Protein backbone atom coordinates (compact mmCIF):
# COMPACT_ATOMS: atom_id res chain seq x y z
CA MET A 1 20.02 96.95 -37.57
CA VAL A 2 22.27 93.96 -38.29
CA TRP A 3 19.89 91.77 -36.28
CA ALA A 4 16.98 93.06 -38.37
CA ARG A 5 18.77 92.25 -41.64
CA ASN A 6 19.65 88.75 -40.40
CA SER A 7 16.07 88.23 -39.24
CA GLU A 8 14.79 89.24 -42.68
CA LYS A 9 17.13 86.74 -44.31
CA ASP A 10 15.98 84.03 -41.92
CA PHE A 11 12.35 84.81 -42.73
CA TYR A 12 12.87 84.41 -46.47
CA ALA A 13 14.92 81.26 -45.86
CA GLU A 14 11.98 79.77 -43.95
CA VAL A 15 9.56 80.81 -46.71
CA ASP A 16 11.82 79.20 -49.34
CA SER A 17 11.97 75.99 -47.28
CA LEU A 18 8.18 75.92 -47.00
CA PHE A 19 7.92 76.60 -50.74
CA ALA A 20 10.20 73.63 -51.52
CA GLN A 21 8.14 71.31 -49.31
CA ARG A 22 4.83 72.36 -50.84
CA ALA A 23 6.25 72.30 -54.37
CA VAL A 24 6.81 68.53 -54.04
CA MET A 25 3.15 68.12 -53.06
CA VAL A 26 2.03 70.34 -55.99
CA PHE A 27 4.11 68.30 -58.47
CA TRP A 28 2.63 65.01 -57.24
CA LEU A 29 -0.92 66.36 -57.31
CA GLY A 30 -0.28 67.79 -60.78
CA ILE A 31 0.75 64.30 -61.96
CA LEU A 32 -2.36 62.71 -60.46
CA PHE A 33 -4.76 65.37 -61.78
CA TYR A 34 -3.37 65.39 -65.32
CA ILE A 35 -3.65 61.61 -65.50
CA PHE A 36 -7.10 61.63 -63.87
CA PHE A 37 -8.52 64.21 -66.30
CA ALA A 38 -7.64 61.88 -69.20
CA ALA A 39 -10.92 60.19 -68.28
CA LEU A 40 -12.66 63.44 -69.21
CA ASP A 41 -10.95 63.36 -72.62
CA PHE A 42 -12.21 59.83 -73.14
CA LEU A 43 -15.79 60.70 -72.18
CA VAL A 44 -16.19 64.10 -73.84
CA HIS A 45 -13.70 64.19 -76.75
CA ARG A 46 -12.95 60.57 -77.48
CA GLU A 47 -11.76 61.37 -81.01
CA HIS A 48 -8.84 63.34 -79.50
CA PHE A 49 -8.15 60.92 -76.66
CA PHE A 50 -4.88 59.43 -77.93
CA ARG A 51 -3.44 62.80 -78.93
CA PHE A 52 -4.43 64.35 -75.59
CA ILE A 53 -3.06 61.44 -73.58
CA SER A 54 0.28 61.90 -75.35
CA TYR A 55 0.30 65.57 -74.30
CA ARG A 56 -0.51 64.58 -70.74
CA ILE A 57 2.17 61.86 -70.61
CA ILE A 58 4.83 64.28 -71.87
CA PHE A 59 3.87 66.84 -69.23
CA VAL A 60 3.73 64.23 -66.47
CA GLY A 61 7.19 63.07 -67.53
CA PHE A 62 8.46 66.62 -67.17
CA LEU A 63 6.98 66.84 -63.64
CA LEU A 64 8.69 63.58 -62.70
CA ILE A 65 12.00 65.03 -63.88
CA CYS A 66 11.39 68.09 -61.69
CA LEU A 67 10.70 65.84 -58.70
CA GLY A 68 13.91 63.95 -59.39
CA LEU A 69 15.90 67.19 -59.49
CA LEU A 70 14.47 68.32 -56.15
CA HIS A 71 16.05 65.29 -54.45
CA PHE A 72 19.41 67.05 -54.87
CA ARG A 73 19.92 69.61 -52.12
CA LEU A 74 22.02 71.78 -54.43
CA LEU A 75 19.13 72.12 -56.88
CA GLN A 76 16.48 72.89 -54.26
CA ARG A 77 17.47 76.55 -54.39
CA HIS A 78 16.06 76.56 -57.95
CA THR A 79 12.61 75.30 -56.91
CA HIS A 80 10.99 78.62 -57.88
CA LEU A 81 12.42 78.35 -61.40
CA LEU A 82 11.26 74.73 -61.79
CA MET A 83 7.77 75.67 -60.61
CA ALA A 84 7.57 78.63 -63.00
CA VAL A 85 8.61 76.49 -65.97
CA SER A 86 6.14 73.78 -64.91
CA LEU A 87 3.24 76.26 -64.79
CA ILE A 88 4.10 77.60 -68.24
CA CYS A 89 4.29 74.02 -69.56
CA ALA A 90 0.94 73.24 -67.92
CA SER A 91 -0.63 76.26 -69.63
CA LEU A 92 0.99 75.26 -72.93
CA THR A 93 -0.28 71.66 -72.65
CA ILE A 94 -3.86 72.81 -72.06
CA SER A 95 -3.54 75.43 -74.82
CA LEU A 96 -2.54 72.73 -77.32
CA MET A 97 -5.68 70.78 -76.36
CA ILE A 98 -7.74 73.96 -76.78
CA LEU A 99 -6.33 74.34 -80.31
CA GLU A 100 -7.39 70.78 -81.15
CA LEU A 101 -10.93 71.56 -79.92
CA GLY A 102 -11.43 74.67 -82.04
CA GLY A 103 -9.68 77.39 -80.08
CA TYR A 104 -11.28 80.15 -78.06
CA THR A 105 -14.68 78.50 -77.61
CA SER A 106 -13.29 75.33 -76.01
CA GLU A 107 -14.43 74.57 -72.48
CA TYR A 108 -10.92 73.27 -71.69
CA TYR A 109 -9.93 76.87 -70.95
CA ILE A 110 -11.20 76.26 -67.42
CA GLY A 111 -8.20 73.95 -66.97
CA ILE A 112 -5.78 76.90 -67.03
CA VAL A 113 -7.92 78.71 -64.45
CA LEU A 114 -8.01 75.67 -62.16
CA VAL A 115 -4.23 75.16 -62.36
CA ALA A 116 -3.55 78.82 -61.50
CA ALA A 117 -6.10 78.92 -58.66
CA PHE A 118 -4.80 75.69 -57.12
CA VAL A 119 -1.08 76.50 -57.27
CA PHE A 120 -1.43 80.10 -56.11
CA SER A 121 -3.60 79.02 -53.17
CA VAL A 122 -1.15 76.34 -51.96
CA LEU A 123 2.30 77.86 -52.46
CA PRO A 124 3.69 80.68 -50.26
CA LEU A 125 4.14 83.36 -52.93
CA SER A 126 4.65 87.09 -52.87
CA VAL A 127 2.39 89.42 -54.83
CA TYR A 128 5.16 89.97 -57.40
CA GLN A 129 5.57 86.23 -57.91
CA VAL A 130 1.83 85.66 -58.28
CA ILE A 131 1.48 88.48 -60.82
CA SER A 132 4.50 87.26 -62.81
CA LEU A 133 3.38 83.62 -62.91
CA GLY A 134 -0.27 84.47 -63.61
CA LEU A 135 0.61 86.76 -66.52
CA ALA A 136 3.08 84.20 -67.86
CA MET A 137 0.41 81.49 -67.92
CA TYR A 138 -2.12 83.75 -69.59
CA LEU A 139 0.39 85.03 -72.17
CA THR A 140 1.38 81.42 -72.94
CA TYR A 141 -2.25 80.69 -73.77
CA ILE A 142 -2.63 83.84 -75.92
CA ALA A 143 0.71 83.28 -77.65
CA THR A 144 -0.24 79.70 -78.52
CA MET A 145 -3.47 80.91 -80.12
CA MET A 146 -1.64 83.63 -82.06
CA ILE A 147 1.22 81.41 -83.23
CA ALA A 148 -1.33 78.91 -84.48
CA ASP A 149 -2.80 81.77 -86.50
CA LEU A 150 -6.23 80.79 -85.28
CA PRO A 151 -8.86 83.00 -86.95
CA LEU A 152 -11.09 84.88 -84.52
CA ALA A 153 -14.70 84.82 -85.67
CA ASN A 154 -17.12 87.53 -84.54
CA GLY A 155 -18.97 85.15 -82.26
CA GLU A 156 -15.75 84.03 -80.57
CA VAL A 157 -14.90 87.52 -79.30
CA VAL A 158 -17.49 87.04 -76.55
CA TYR A 159 -15.70 83.83 -75.46
CA VAL A 160 -12.32 85.60 -75.43
CA VAL A 161 -13.67 88.47 -73.31
CA ASN A 162 -15.57 86.11 -70.98
CA ASN A 163 -12.56 83.79 -70.53
CA THR A 164 -10.20 86.70 -69.90
CA PHE A 165 -12.56 88.29 -67.38
CA PHE A 166 -13.07 85.00 -65.57
CA TYR A 167 -9.33 84.25 -65.46
CA PHE A 168 -8.38 87.66 -64.09
CA ALA A 169 -11.21 87.58 -61.53
CA ILE A 170 -9.74 84.37 -60.10
CA PHE A 171 -6.23 85.78 -60.57
CA ILE A 172 -7.01 88.94 -58.56
CA ALA A 173 -8.69 86.92 -55.79
CA THR A 174 -5.69 84.60 -55.41
CA THR A 175 -3.31 87.57 -55.48
CA VAL A 176 -5.17 89.19 -52.59
CA LYS A 177 -5.10 85.87 -50.70
CA CYS A 178 -1.34 85.45 -51.23
CA TYR A 179 -0.74 89.01 -50.06
CA ASP A 180 -2.82 88.42 -46.92
CA ASP A 181 -1.14 85.07 -46.21
CA MET A 182 2.36 86.52 -46.64
CA LYS A 183 1.53 89.43 -44.37
CA ASN A 184 0.23 87.12 -41.64
CA ARG A 185 3.19 84.78 -42.06
CA ARG A 186 5.59 87.73 -41.65
CA ALA A 187 3.74 88.91 -38.54
CA ILE A 188 3.92 85.45 -36.97
CA TRP A 189 7.61 85.16 -37.83
CA GLN A 190 8.34 88.58 -36.41
CA GLY A 191 6.57 87.66 -33.19
CA ARG A 192 8.58 84.47 -32.83
CA ALA A 193 11.81 86.31 -33.65
CA ASN A 194 11.08 88.94 -31.01
CA VAL A 195 10.45 86.26 -28.42
CA ARG A 196 13.69 84.49 -29.31
CA LYS A 197 15.61 87.76 -29.13
CA LEU A 198 14.15 88.54 -25.71
CA GLN A 199 15.04 85.07 -24.45
CA ASP A 200 18.61 85.38 -25.73
CA GLU A 201 19.09 88.78 -24.15
CA LEU A 202 17.55 87.70 -20.85
CA SER A 203 19.93 84.76 -20.57
CA THR A 204 22.94 87.09 -20.80
CA TYR A 205 21.97 89.08 -17.74
CA THR A 206 22.87 87.83 -14.27
CA GLY A 207 22.96 91.11 -12.37
CA ASP A 208 20.46 93.85 -11.77
CA LEU A 209 17.65 91.35 -12.30
CA GLU A 210 14.96 93.78 -11.16
CA HIS A 211 15.96 96.32 -13.76
CA VAL A 212 16.04 93.63 -16.44
CA VAL A 213 12.61 92.33 -15.44
CA GLN A 214 11.17 95.85 -15.52
CA HIS A 215 12.66 96.42 -18.92
CA ARG A 216 11.21 93.17 -20.19
CA LEU A 217 7.79 94.03 -18.77
CA GLU A 218 7.88 97.25 -20.72
CA GLN A 219 8.74 95.30 -23.83
CA ILE A 220 5.84 92.90 -23.15
CA GLU A 221 3.51 95.87 -22.78
CA ASP A 222 4.81 97.11 -26.10
CA LEU A 223 4.09 93.72 -27.62
CA GLU A 224 0.58 93.79 -26.14
CA PHE A 225 0.10 97.24 -27.61
CA ARG A 226 1.23 95.97 -30.99
CA TYR A 227 -1.12 93.01 -30.65
CA SER A 228 -3.90 95.41 -29.81
CA GLU A 229 -3.04 97.44 -32.90
CA LEU A 230 -3.17 94.26 -34.98
CA TYR A 231 -6.52 93.38 -33.38
CA GLU A 232 -7.89 96.80 -34.22
CA ASN A 233 -6.53 97.02 -37.76
CA ILE A 234 -7.19 93.47 -38.96
CA GLU A 235 -9.48 93.38 -42.00
CA ASP A 236 -11.66 90.67 -40.47
CA ILE A 237 -14.54 91.50 -38.14
CA VAL A 238 -13.80 90.50 -34.53
CA VAL A 239 -16.48 90.54 -31.84
CA VAL A 240 -16.72 88.97 -28.35
CA VAL A 241 -20.17 87.87 -27.14
CA ASP A 242 -21.58 86.20 -24.04
CA VAL A 243 -23.73 83.06 -23.88
CA GLN A 244 -26.84 85.15 -24.69
CA GLY A 245 -25.24 86.67 -27.77
CA ARG A 246 -24.77 90.11 -26.17
CA MET A 247 -21.73 91.97 -27.52
CA GLN A 248 -18.95 92.69 -25.01
CA LEU A 249 -16.09 93.83 -27.26
CA PHE A 250 -15.58 94.50 -30.96
CA ASN A 251 -12.74 95.77 -33.13
CA ARG A 252 -12.53 98.83 -35.37
CA ARG A 253 -13.51 96.89 -38.50
CA CYS A 254 -16.73 95.73 -36.82
CA ALA A 255 -17.51 99.31 -35.79
CA GLU A 256 -17.00 100.55 -39.37
CA VAL A 257 -19.12 97.88 -41.03
CA PHE A 258 -22.06 98.03 -38.61
CA ALA A 259 -21.79 101.71 -37.59
CA LEU A 260 -21.10 100.95 -33.92
CA GLY A 261 -19.44 103.17 -31.36
CA HIS A 262 -17.57 102.15 -28.21
CA ASP A 263 -19.66 104.67 -26.31
CA THR A 264 -22.87 103.01 -27.46
CA ALA A 265 -24.88 101.89 -24.42
CA PRO A 266 -26.16 99.35 -24.15
CA LEU A 267 -24.26 97.37 -26.77
CA PRO A 268 -26.53 95.65 -29.30
CA SER A 269 -26.97 91.89 -29.55
CA PHE A 270 -24.81 90.06 -32.05
CA PHE A 271 -28.01 88.61 -33.48
CA ASP A 272 -29.06 92.11 -34.61
CA LEU A 273 -26.19 92.02 -37.10
CA LEU A 274 -27.64 89.00 -38.93
CA ALA A 275 -29.66 89.48 -42.11
CA PRO A 276 -33.40 89.76 -41.18
CA GLU A 277 -34.62 86.94 -43.42
CA TYR A 278 -31.89 84.69 -41.99
CA ARG A 279 -32.07 85.76 -38.34
CA THR A 280 -34.85 83.61 -36.84
CA LYS A 281 -33.45 80.29 -38.02
CA MET A 282 -29.84 81.14 -37.12
CA VAL A 283 -30.51 82.56 -33.63
CA GLU A 284 -31.85 79.21 -32.37
CA GLN A 285 -28.78 77.35 -33.62
CA LEU A 286 -26.31 79.90 -32.22
CA LEU A 287 -27.95 79.97 -28.78
CA VAL A 288 -27.50 76.19 -28.53
CA GLN A 289 -23.81 76.56 -29.48
CA PHE A 290 -23.32 79.37 -26.96
CA ALA A 291 -25.11 77.50 -24.17
CA HIS A 292 -22.77 74.51 -24.54
CA ARG A 293 -19.73 76.77 -25.10
CA ARG A 294 -18.92 75.01 -28.34
CA PRO A 295 -16.26 76.42 -30.69
CA PHE A 296 -17.07 77.57 -34.23
CA LEU A 297 -15.07 76.74 -37.33
CA GLY A 298 -15.95 77.90 -40.83
CA VAL A 299 -19.68 78.46 -40.20
CA GLU A 300 -21.30 80.47 -43.03
CA VAL A 301 -23.80 83.13 -41.95
CA GLN A 302 -25.31 86.20 -43.59
CA VAL A 303 -25.04 89.64 -41.98
CA GLN A 304 -26.47 93.01 -42.98
CA THR A 305 -24.14 96.00 -42.89
CA ALA A 306 -25.07 99.50 -41.85
CA ALA A 307 -25.23 100.37 -45.57
CA GLY A 308 -27.92 97.72 -46.09
CA GLU A 309 -25.67 95.28 -47.95
CA VAL A 310 -26.02 91.56 -47.20
CA TRP A 311 -22.65 89.83 -46.81
CA THR A 312 -21.93 86.14 -46.63
CA VAL A 313 -19.28 85.71 -43.94
CA GLU A 314 -17.30 82.73 -42.68
CA MET A 315 -17.47 82.69 -38.87
CA SER A 316 -14.96 80.99 -36.59
CA GLY A 317 -14.57 81.42 -32.87
CA ASN A 318 -13.61 80.03 -29.49
CA TRP A 319 -14.24 80.78 -25.86
CA VAL A 320 -11.70 83.02 -24.12
CA ASN A 321 -11.24 84.28 -20.57
CA LEU A 322 -11.20 88.07 -20.53
CA GLY A 323 -10.84 88.45 -16.77
CA VAL A 324 -14.56 88.40 -16.03
CA ASP A 325 -16.67 85.79 -14.27
CA ASP A 326 -18.13 84.33 -17.46
CA PRO A 327 -15.96 83.66 -20.50
CA GLY A 328 -16.86 85.17 -23.83
CA CYS A 329 -16.87 83.72 -27.31
CA GLN A 330 -14.46 85.57 -29.59
CA LEU A 331 -15.88 85.40 -33.11
CA VAL A 332 -13.90 86.22 -36.25
CA LEU A 333 -16.03 86.99 -39.32
CA ARG A 334 -14.37 87.00 -42.75
CA ASN A 335 -16.27 88.39 -45.74
CA ILE A 336 -16.50 85.68 -48.44
CA THR A 337 -19.23 87.31 -50.56
CA ASP A 338 -16.94 87.65 -53.60
CA ARG A 339 -15.86 84.02 -53.30
CA LYS A 340 -19.47 82.85 -53.17
CA ASP A 341 -20.22 84.95 -56.25
CA MET A 342 -17.36 83.29 -58.11
CA GLU A 343 -18.62 79.86 -57.05
CA GLN A 344 -22.02 80.83 -58.49
CA GLN A 345 -20.35 81.88 -61.75
CA MET A 346 -18.62 78.50 -61.95
CA LEU A 347 -21.99 76.80 -61.36
CA GLU A 348 -23.52 78.84 -64.19
CA SER A 349 -20.64 77.79 -66.45
CA SER A 350 -21.36 74.15 -65.57
CA ARG A 351 -25.01 74.68 -66.46
CA LEU A 352 -23.97 76.17 -69.81
CA VAL A 353 -21.95 73.04 -70.58
CA ASP A 354 -24.97 70.91 -69.66
CA LYS A 355 -27.15 72.97 -71.98
CA SER A 356 -24.67 72.44 -74.82
CA ARG A 357 -24.77 68.70 -74.21
CA ARG A 358 -28.55 68.66 -74.39
CA THR A 359 -28.51 70.67 -77.60
CA ALA A 360 -26.22 68.04 -79.11
CA ILE A 361 -28.70 65.32 -78.09
CA LEU A 362 -31.49 67.19 -79.88
CA GLY A 363 -29.30 67.44 -82.98
CA LEU A 364 -28.69 63.70 -82.96
CA ALA A 365 -32.41 63.06 -82.64
CA LYS A 366 -33.09 65.29 -85.64
CA LEU A 367 -30.70 63.25 -87.76
CA ALA A 368 -33.12 60.35 -87.47
CA GLU A 369 -36.04 62.57 -88.44
CA TYR A 370 -34.31 63.97 -91.50
CA ARG A 371 -34.23 60.51 -93.07
CA ASP A 372 -37.99 60.68 -93.21
CA TRP A 373 -40.03 63.19 -95.22
CA ASP A 374 -40.58 65.29 -92.11
CA THR A 375 -38.26 68.32 -91.78
CA GLY A 376 -37.45 67.88 -88.11
CA ALA A 377 -40.12 70.29 -86.77
CA HIS A 378 -41.81 67.07 -85.66
CA LEU A 379 -39.38 66.92 -82.74
CA GLU A 380 -40.18 70.43 -81.58
CA ARG A 381 -43.90 69.69 -81.64
CA ILE A 382 -43.48 66.37 -79.79
CA ARG A 383 -41.44 68.10 -77.12
CA GLU A 384 -44.06 70.81 -76.54
CA TYR A 385 -47.02 68.39 -76.65
CA THR A 386 -45.24 66.18 -74.11
CA ARG A 387 -44.52 69.11 -71.82
CA ILE A 388 -48.21 70.19 -71.84
CA LEU A 389 -49.57 66.70 -71.17
CA THR A 390 -47.09 66.09 -68.32
CA ARG A 391 -47.93 69.37 -66.58
CA VAL A 392 -51.67 68.60 -66.68
CA LEU A 393 -51.14 65.05 -65.39
CA ALA A 394 -48.96 66.35 -62.55
CA GLU A 395 -52.01 68.14 -61.10
CA LYS A 396 -54.11 64.97 -60.94
CA PRO A 397 -54.52 63.23 -57.55
CA GLY A 398 -52.07 60.40 -57.08
CA MET A 399 -49.64 61.69 -59.73
CA GLN A 400 -47.61 64.13 -57.60
CA HIS A 401 -45.21 61.45 -56.36
CA LEU A 402 -44.62 60.24 -59.94
CA ILE A 403 -44.36 63.50 -61.85
CA THR A 404 -41.70 65.51 -60.06
CA PRO A 405 -39.91 68.58 -61.49
CA SER A 406 -37.02 66.32 -62.53
CA PHE A 407 -39.48 63.94 -64.25
CA LEU A 408 -40.88 66.88 -66.24
CA GLU A 409 -37.40 68.04 -67.22
CA ASP A 410 -36.26 64.54 -68.23
CA ILE A 411 -39.34 63.66 -70.30
CA THR A 412 -39.21 66.99 -72.14
CA LEU A 413 -35.64 66.28 -73.17
CA SER A 414 -35.91 62.55 -73.82
CA SER A 415 -39.20 62.72 -75.76
CA VAL A 416 -37.28 63.82 -78.87
CA LEU A 417 -35.39 60.51 -78.79
CA HIS A 418 -38.50 58.35 -79.27
CA ASP A 419 -37.73 57.48 -82.92
CA ILE A 420 -33.92 57.53 -82.75
CA GLY A 421 -33.97 53.84 -83.68
CA LYS A 422 -35.18 54.70 -87.20
CA VAL A 423 -31.58 55.23 -88.21
CA GLY A 424 -31.36 51.43 -88.32
CA ILE A 425 -34.32 50.97 -90.69
CA PRO A 426 -33.52 50.65 -94.45
CA ASP A 427 -34.65 53.57 -96.61
CA ALA A 428 -36.66 51.20 -98.84
CA ILE A 429 -38.95 50.52 -95.87
CA LEU A 430 -38.75 53.81 -94.00
CA LEU A 431 -39.53 55.93 -97.07
CA LYS A 432 -41.95 53.54 -98.80
CA PRO A 433 -44.99 55.58 -99.96
CA GLY A 434 -47.42 52.67 -99.84
CA LYS A 435 -48.58 50.26 -97.19
CA LEU A 436 -45.88 48.04 -95.70
CA THR A 437 -46.04 44.25 -96.08
CA ASP A 438 -46.13 42.09 -92.97
CA GLU A 439 -42.43 41.34 -93.32
CA GLU A 440 -41.61 45.02 -93.79
CA MET A 441 -43.75 45.95 -90.81
CA GLU A 442 -41.82 43.53 -88.62
CA VAL A 443 -38.59 45.24 -89.71
CA MET A 444 -40.11 48.66 -88.99
CA LYS A 445 -41.13 47.56 -85.48
CA MET A 446 -37.47 46.89 -84.70
CA HIS A 447 -36.80 50.65 -84.52
CA CYS A 448 -38.10 50.52 -80.93
CA VAL A 449 -35.45 47.97 -79.96
CA TYR A 450 -32.70 49.73 -81.94
CA GLY A 451 -33.44 53.05 -80.22
CA SER A 452 -33.56 51.56 -76.72
CA ASN A 453 -30.30 49.67 -77.24
CA ALA A 454 -28.54 52.75 -78.61
CA LEU A 455 -29.58 54.87 -75.62
CA ALA A 456 -28.59 52.09 -73.20
CA GLU A 457 -25.13 52.07 -74.75
CA ALA A 458 -24.94 55.87 -74.48
CA GLU A 459 -25.92 55.70 -70.80
CA HIS A 460 -23.27 53.03 -70.20
CA ASP A 461 -20.59 55.37 -71.59
CA ALA A 462 -21.90 58.53 -69.90
CA GLY A 463 -22.79 57.04 -66.52
CA ASP A 464 -26.13 57.21 -64.72
CA VAL A 465 -27.90 59.98 -66.68
CA SER A 466 -31.60 60.25 -65.82
CA PHE A 467 -32.96 61.49 -69.17
CA LEU A 468 -31.14 58.69 -71.02
CA THR A 469 -32.77 56.12 -68.72
CA MET A 470 -36.19 57.60 -69.43
CA GLY A 471 -35.33 57.85 -73.13
CA GLN A 472 -34.83 54.06 -73.23
CA ASP A 473 -38.37 53.52 -71.87
CA ILE A 474 -39.86 55.97 -74.36
CA ALA A 475 -37.99 54.59 -77.38
CA HIS A 476 -38.81 51.00 -76.43
CA PHE A 477 -42.48 51.30 -75.42
CA HIS A 478 -44.07 54.32 -77.17
CA HIS A 479 -45.86 51.95 -79.61
CA GLU A 480 -47.37 49.84 -76.84
CA ARG A 481 -51.17 50.11 -76.41
CA TRP A 482 -53.29 50.38 -73.31
CA ASP A 483 -55.20 47.18 -74.18
CA GLY A 484 -52.00 45.16 -74.78
CA THR A 485 -52.16 44.98 -78.59
CA GLY A 486 -49.09 47.10 -79.25
CA TYR A 487 -45.46 46.23 -79.80
CA PRO A 488 -42.69 45.19 -79.21
CA LEU A 489 -43.67 43.40 -75.92
CA ALA A 490 -47.50 43.75 -75.95
CA LEU A 491 -47.55 45.42 -72.52
CA ALA A 492 -50.90 46.60 -71.17
CA GLY A 493 -52.17 49.30 -68.79
CA VAL A 494 -49.76 50.58 -66.16
CA GLU A 495 -47.19 47.97 -67.23
CA ILE A 496 -46.31 50.52 -69.88
CA PRO A 497 -44.00 53.21 -68.38
CA LEU A 498 -45.83 56.50 -67.78
CA ALA A 499 -43.37 58.47 -69.93
CA ALA A 500 -44.01 56.13 -72.90
CA ARG A 501 -47.81 56.47 -72.49
CA ILE A 502 -47.54 60.27 -72.59
CA VAL A 503 -45.25 60.36 -75.65
CA ALA A 504 -47.44 57.78 -77.42
CA LEU A 505 -50.36 60.23 -77.56
CA ALA A 506 -48.16 63.21 -78.44
CA ASP A 507 -46.56 61.20 -81.28
CA ALA A 508 -49.92 59.92 -82.53
CA TYR A 509 -51.48 63.40 -82.59
CA ASP A 510 -48.55 64.82 -84.51
CA ALA A 511 -48.57 61.89 -86.96
CA LEU A 512 -52.29 62.37 -87.61
CA THR A 513 -52.04 66.14 -88.17
CA SER A 514 -48.88 65.96 -90.32
CA LYS A 515 -48.56 65.19 -94.01
CA ARG A 516 -46.53 62.08 -94.74
CA CYS A 517 -45.40 60.36 -97.92
CA TYR A 518 -48.20 57.83 -97.55
CA LYS A 519 -51.11 60.07 -96.36
CA SER A 520 -52.49 63.58 -96.13
CA ALA A 521 -52.73 65.55 -92.88
CA TYR A 522 -55.86 65.32 -90.75
CA SER A 523 -57.44 68.39 -89.19
CA HIS A 524 -57.33 68.87 -85.45
CA ASP A 525 -60.96 67.85 -85.01
CA GLU A 526 -60.46 64.69 -87.08
CA ALA A 527 -57.38 63.77 -85.05
CA LYS A 528 -59.27 64.49 -81.81
CA THR A 529 -62.11 62.15 -82.87
CA ILE A 530 -59.67 59.33 -83.66
CA ILE A 531 -57.91 59.74 -80.29
CA LEU A 532 -61.23 59.75 -78.39
CA ASN A 533 -62.32 56.58 -80.17
CA LYS A 534 -59.11 54.90 -79.00
CA ARG A 535 -59.43 56.04 -75.38
CA GLY A 536 -58.95 52.98 -73.20
CA SER A 537 -57.84 50.80 -76.10
CA HIS A 538 -54.81 52.48 -77.66
CA PHE A 539 -54.27 55.33 -75.21
CA ASP A 540 -54.20 55.73 -71.44
CA PRO A 541 -57.57 57.31 -70.45
CA ASP A 542 -55.86 59.81 -68.10
CA VAL A 543 -53.54 60.97 -70.88
CA VAL A 544 -56.51 61.40 -73.26
CA ASP A 545 -58.30 63.49 -70.61
CA ALA A 546 -55.20 65.66 -70.27
CA PHE A 547 -55.20 66.11 -74.06
CA LEU A 548 -58.86 67.21 -74.05
CA ASP A 549 -58.10 69.68 -71.25
CA GLN A 550 -55.37 71.33 -73.35
CA GLU A 551 -56.51 70.71 -76.94
CA ASN A 552 -56.47 74.45 -77.71
CA SER A 553 -52.82 74.57 -76.67
CA PHE A 554 -52.12 71.68 -79.06
CA LYS A 555 -53.72 73.60 -81.93
CA GLN A 556 -51.82 76.77 -81.05
CA ILE A 557 -48.44 75.03 -80.84
CA ARG A 558 -49.06 73.25 -84.14
CA MET A 559 -49.87 76.52 -85.92
CA GLU A 560 -46.97 78.46 -84.33
CA ILE A 561 -44.39 75.86 -85.38
CA LEU A 562 -45.88 75.55 -88.86
CA LEU A 563 -45.66 79.33 -89.32
CA LYS A 564 -42.13 79.37 -87.95
């Protein structure tokens, strides 16, 4: 009993030592990550950059102090306390940034989730410690919002519920992982402790060696029995297969999941456990691995349970000698379906952020339109006209390699930026009801250059963004003509980028059928006649043909947006 108590103390002492070692790594990574994510502040919320960098510097300074304290052996016993305070400060730092960005709807909430997931996955923590730290971080965030007396609008309730659900989903997953890791760590420690105890006792005996050996053999058998119990009760699926994939042994968990019995004869093939739609491709790869007796490490496969559920499992394995002529491959399959689902949720969140960014781009484009007499519906029509023309052109021979799905997505988004350069044109010229003079026309032509330069600058700040690159071509060249009489560079034919040639017709059709301060709106048929007359001179013949193919869709879109 005394030995057991001492062993328990030694186990927790080893865990505390491991915690102290990993805490140093966590503090250093925390310093690097908090400094690194300042680049995100600069790119996404530049107006708050200096305030946010001050928050980050203060927090990094605190982490450096913690690292300095851990150099003193006397203070290393308080590593848990330093880590707890650091996590609360990390949550507080991010919460202050969230307040600056409007509160509950801020995307910076993901920072708290990432900090919790990272720390809880790295440090050796008990379930109680994980629950305490996770709740403390979440309550710090909620308390910060409440102390700031931030009003909660109706629409923000959805964000609060979504954020809370997402946080606790990650929180529960990491709690389960910590519990499993601590249980395995205790089992490994107990095994080592038993071996050390046996060695110590064996060294004390010099007489009656046969009796001692027999006693030790019994203890080894007991250990083997305990190992067998662990093998049978482990939550992972364990199965041993031969080079042909035929099952030789499997544990209780495997029997439960796939409804197998040890009296089943003959045993099924391991390949029968794979999901049907996944089986053919995977069998060929596995047979090659088995034939060369190669080990497996972290291979993701899909299996179908007896209940018909498809699980994504992480498969690892190695070849073992089980006392038979041919060795078998012992495979361990861990169910990671929930983890894959969470990864998908994070991907959807990333897509939501991307959608918000694109909505902001559309808003900026409409600012340029609102300076003119048009109300901004012009952009919606241009976008739909462009989408229709591009889809028709994509079906023409020789266009498939040019008009890819990404091309269609980029041109639909960037088409609304074609006149963004008008923000640089004086109102006296832009809003002039009469015909422009030659000098005024030259000024008006500069909106192509202004727009292209503005988008080039935006791309420089944002990095290589495909729709901004295409937007530069559209803004710069959508007034070029097929016969080379356009502006600003008088390009001709295929020298004009394809995206600009498509938007040129969409813009011209909308201009003809819309009322402006200097003209009345033409009917569809009148606009169609004008476009046909300019086929091969102003417009690309292929684009005109695409327009004729879908002219009814043009009329329908025009009427729907007018009514809306």
